[in-house]
Structure formats: structure tokens, C-alpha cells
Amino acid sequence: MLQGLLTEQVPINDLARIFEALTLKAKSSTDPEGLVEAARLGLGPAVAQQYLDGTLLRVIMIDPLLEQSMLEGLRPSDQGTQILLDPARTEAVLGSVRSTVADIESAGHTAVLVCAPALRPALRRLVGPQAANLPVLSYQEVTSANVAIETIGVVRGSAAVSS
């Protein structure tokens, strides 16, 4: 359990909150992915705190229609939830993540990718190999930090349409 948090660089120094969240979640499910997510939620602002630039958190959003289709494509598997998208759309999403992160890094910034809580673990598994240093946080983790949020990128699921 703690290894899952450490893998994503989540601070584990507040063991009391982690164990409290795990205890509450374990009453309804012992699914490892669900337990990690419960621990992250229990840690609240501490998850987002490490990514602040002063009092500002820069975020990359997911296009709302893409996010909805990803949520509809969530399926359980032995490795946790997976996002089922057709291969072309998956490649478009990953290409968008790569180019968005490259643009942000070339501007000298860092950012976190934010998404719906149900989508977070599957999205992390999807983008991790493409952008290993890109933290994926849920909306709750970001908003619980009670800091200024600046959207500096959007991940899209299709090629940009020229006008």
C-alpha cells in the first residue's frame, strides 16, 4: 500500500491519516487501487502541496468531451482500472500529452495533469510511460490544497482542427 503511494511520490509522513483512510475504505473494499486512492484523498492538500510554485499550482486539464469518453471507457482488470479507447484515439491522447508537456517545459514551467477521481489511476498508468515525471492528480486533490490554480495546457483526443 505504502509502496503504491511512494511510486507516485506521495509523501507518507502522515501515517495516521493514511491508516485512518485505509481503515475506512477497507470496510467496504480491499481493492488495492481503491485503497491507494482512499489514502491519497485522506492526505488531502499534502498531495498537491509538493507541486506548488509559491502559491500557484499549474495544471493541465483534459478536454471535457475526452474526459467523459475516458470515464465511459473505464473497465476493471487484474492490474486495476484501464481506459478502453480505440488505438488511434489513444495515440492522439498520448501525442497531446507529450506535446503539451514539452511546450510547458520549454516555457520553463512544470504542471500536473488533473482529472476526475475515478479516472486518475487508469490515466496515470496510461500516460506514465509517455511522461514519467508528469504527476496525475484528481480534482479533489487539487482543490483541497486551497491555492491559486492556473490552467496552462489541455489534453485533446484528436488532432487540432484548423480553421
Protein backbone atom coordinates (compact mmCIF):
# COMPACT_ATOMS: atom_id res chain seq x y z
CA MET A 1 0.00 0.00 0.00
CA LEU A 2 2.66 2.49 1.03
CA GLN A 3 4.72 1.39 -1.97
CA GLY A 4 1.89 2.47 -4.25
CA LEU A 5 1.97 5.94 -2.69
CA LEU A 6 5.74 6.18 -2.86
CA THR A 7 5.76 5.13 -6.51
CA GLU A 8 3.79 8.28 -7.29
CA GLN A 9 5.92 10.41 -4.94
CA VAL A 10 3.09 10.93 -2.46
CA PRO A 11 4.50 11.89 0.96
CA ILE A 12 3.78 9.23 3.55
CA ASN A 13 4.91 11.04 6.70
CA ASP A 14 1.30 11.42 7.92
CA LEU A 15 0.78 7.73 8.64
CA ALA A 16 -2.13 8.43 11.00
CA ARG A 17 -4.21 9.95 8.17
CA ILE A 18 -3.15 7.22 5.76
CA PHE A 19 -4.14 4.43 8.14
CA GLU A 20 -7.40 6.15 9.04
CA ALA A 21 -8.34 6.43 5.36
CA LEU A 22 -7.32 2.82 4.73
CA THR A 23 -9.34 1.58 7.68
CA LEU A 24 -12.47 3.37 6.50
CA LYS A 25 -12.07 2.18 2.90
CA ALA A 26 -11.22 -1.42 3.88
CA LYS A 27 -14.65 -1.76 5.47
CA SER A 28 -16.19 -1.68 2.00
CA SER A 29 -13.39 -2.93 -0.27
CA THR A 30 -9.88 -4.31 -0.14
CA ASP A 31 -9.13 -3.49 -3.78
CA PRO A 32 -5.51 -2.21 -3.78
CA GLU A 33 -6.24 0.57 -6.28
CA GLY A 34 -9.18 1.79 -4.20
CA LEU A 35 -7.10 1.72 -1.03
CA VAL A 36 -4.34 3.83 -2.60
CA GLU A 37 -6.93 6.33 -3.83
CA ALA A 38 -8.52 6.47 -0.37
CA ALA A 39 -5.12 7.15 1.21
CA ARG A 40 -4.43 9.91 -1.33
CA LEU A 41 -7.79 11.51 -0.56
CA GLY A 42 -7.10 11.22 3.17
CA LEU A 43 -3.84 13.10 2.75
CA GLY A 44 -5.72 15.94 1.09
CA PRO A 45 -3.66 19.06 0.41
CA ALA A 46 -0.32 17.35 1.09
CA VAL A 47 -0.56 15.55 -2.27
CA ALA A 48 -0.74 18.78 -4.29
CA GLN A 49 1.49 20.84 -1.98
CA GLN A 50 4.75 19.49 -3.41
CA TYR A 51 3.89 20.74 -6.90
CA LEU A 52 3.27 24.37 -5.96
CA ASP A 53 5.25 27.22 -7.45
CA GLY A 54 4.96 29.57 -4.50
CA THR A 55 1.19 29.68 -4.01
CA LEU A 56 0.35 28.72 -7.61
CA LEU A 57 -0.44 25.29 -8.96
CA ARG A 58 -0.15 24.97 -12.74
CA VAL A 59 -2.42 22.32 -14.21
CA ILE A 60 -3.08 20.53 -17.48
CA MET A 61 -6.75 19.78 -18.00
CA ILE A 62 -8.34 17.12 -20.17
CA ASP A 63 -10.81 18.26 -22.80
CA PRO A 64 -14.25 17.67 -21.16
CA LEU A 65 -15.60 15.52 -24.01
CA LEU A 66 -12.44 13.40 -23.99
CA GLU A 67 -12.62 13.02 -20.23
CA GLN A 68 -16.24 11.88 -20.47
CA SER A 69 -15.39 9.27 -23.11
CA MET A 70 -12.48 8.07 -20.98
CA LEU A 71 -14.80 7.70 -17.98
CA GLU A 72 -17.24 5.73 -20.14
CA GLY A 73 -14.35 3.53 -21.29
CA LEU A 74 -13.14 2.61 -17.78
CA ARG A 75 -13.01 -1.14 -17.23
CA PRO A 76 -11.69 -3.18 -14.31
CA SER A 77 -8.76 -5.51 -14.91
CA ASP A 78 -6.30 -7.54 -12.87
CA GLN A 79 -3.89 -4.58 -12.92
CA GLY A 80 -6.56 -2.06 -11.84
CA THR A 81 -8.88 0.02 -13.96
CA GLN A 82 -7.99 0.53 -17.61
CA ILE A 83 -9.21 3.06 -20.17
CA LEU A 84 -10.55 1.47 -23.34
CA LEU A 85 -10.16 3.77 -26.33
CA ASP A 86 -9.56 2.83 -29.92
CA PRO A 87 -5.83 2.75 -30.83
CA ALA A 88 -5.93 5.91 -32.97
CA ARG A 89 -7.59 7.90 -30.20
CA THR A 90 -5.19 6.53 -27.61
CA GLU A 91 -2.24 7.61 -29.74
CA ALA A 92 -3.81 11.04 -30.24
CA VAL A 93 -4.23 11.43 -26.47
CA LEU A 94 -0.65 10.34 -25.78
CA GLY A 95 0.66 12.63 -28.52
CA SER A 96 -1.28 15.51 -27.00
CA VAL A 97 0.16 14.74 -23.55
CA ARG A 98 3.70 14.64 -24.95
CA SER A 99 3.38 17.90 -26.89
CA THR A 100 1.61 19.72 -24.05
CA VAL A 101 4.29 18.69 -21.54
CA ALA A 102 7.06 19.63 -23.98
CA ASP A 103 5.51 23.08 -24.53
CA ILE A 104 5.20 23.66 -20.79
CA GLU A 105 8.75 22.51 -20.08
CA SER A 106 10.15 24.67 -22.89
CA ALA A 107 8.45 27.65 -21.22
CA GLY A 108 10.33 26.75 -18.03
CA HIS A 109 7.30 25.53 -16.08
CA THR A 110 6.09 22.32 -14.52
CA ALA A 111 2.48 21.23 -14.20
CA VAL A 112 0.26 18.43 -13.00
CA LEU A 113 -2.38 16.62 -15.05
CA VAL A 114 -5.80 16.79 -13.36
CA CYS A 115 -8.81 14.59 -13.94
CA ALA A 116 -11.86 13.01 -12.36
CA PRO A 117 -11.03 10.86 -9.30
CA ALA A 118 -12.38 7.66 -10.90
CA LEU A 119 -10.10 8.21 -13.88
CA ARG A 120 -6.89 9.10 -12.01
CA PRO A 121 -5.25 5.66 -11.51
CA ALA A 122 -6.02 4.44 -15.04
CA LEU A 123 -4.88 7.72 -16.57
CA ARG A 124 -1.64 7.56 -14.57
CA ARG A 125 -0.98 4.07 -15.96
CA LEU A 126 -1.77 5.27 -19.49
CA VAL A 127 0.42 8.39 -19.54
CA GLY A 128 3.16 7.18 -17.19
CA PRO A 129 5.31 5.54 -19.88
CA GLN A 130 4.98 8.65 -22.07
CA ALA A 131 5.53 11.29 -19.40
CA ALA A 132 7.08 9.60 -16.37
CA ASN A 133 7.58 12.87 -14.49
CA LEU A 134 4.02 14.11 -15.02
CA PRO A 135 2.04 13.84 -11.78
CA VAL A 136 -1.62 12.89 -12.23
CA LEU A 137 -3.90 14.31 -9.54
CA SER A 138 -7.64 14.21 -9.05
CA TYR A 139 -9.78 17.33 -8.93
CA GLN A 140 -10.28 16.77 -5.18
CA GLU A 141 -6.54 16.62 -4.52
CA VAL A 142 -6.00 19.87 -6.42
CA THR A 143 -8.91 21.81 -4.95
CA SER A 144 -8.28 20.64 -1.38
CA ALA A 145 -4.94 22.46 -1.44
CA ASN A 146 -6.86 25.77 -1.48
CA VAL A 147 -4.31 27.53 -3.71
CA ALA A 148 -4.42 29.55 -6.91
CA ILE A 149 -4.77 27.28 -9.94
CA GLU A 150 -3.63 28.22 -13.44
CA THR A 151 -4.56 26.06 -16.42
CA ILE A 152 -1.61 26.08 -18.80
CA GLY A 153 -2.48 23.18 -21.10
CA VAL A 154 -5.30 20.99 -22.38
CA VAL A 155 -5.02 17.36 -23.49
CA ARG A 156 -7.15 16.61 -26.51
CA GLY A 157 -8.15 13.30 -28.05
CA SER A 158 -7.97 14.25 -31.69
CA ALA A 159 -5.80 16.32 -33.94
CA ALA A 160 -6.43 20.02 -33.76
CA VAL A 161 -8.87 21.26 -36.38
CA SER A 162 -7.53 24.19 -38.38
CA SER A 163 -9.94 26.97 -39.18
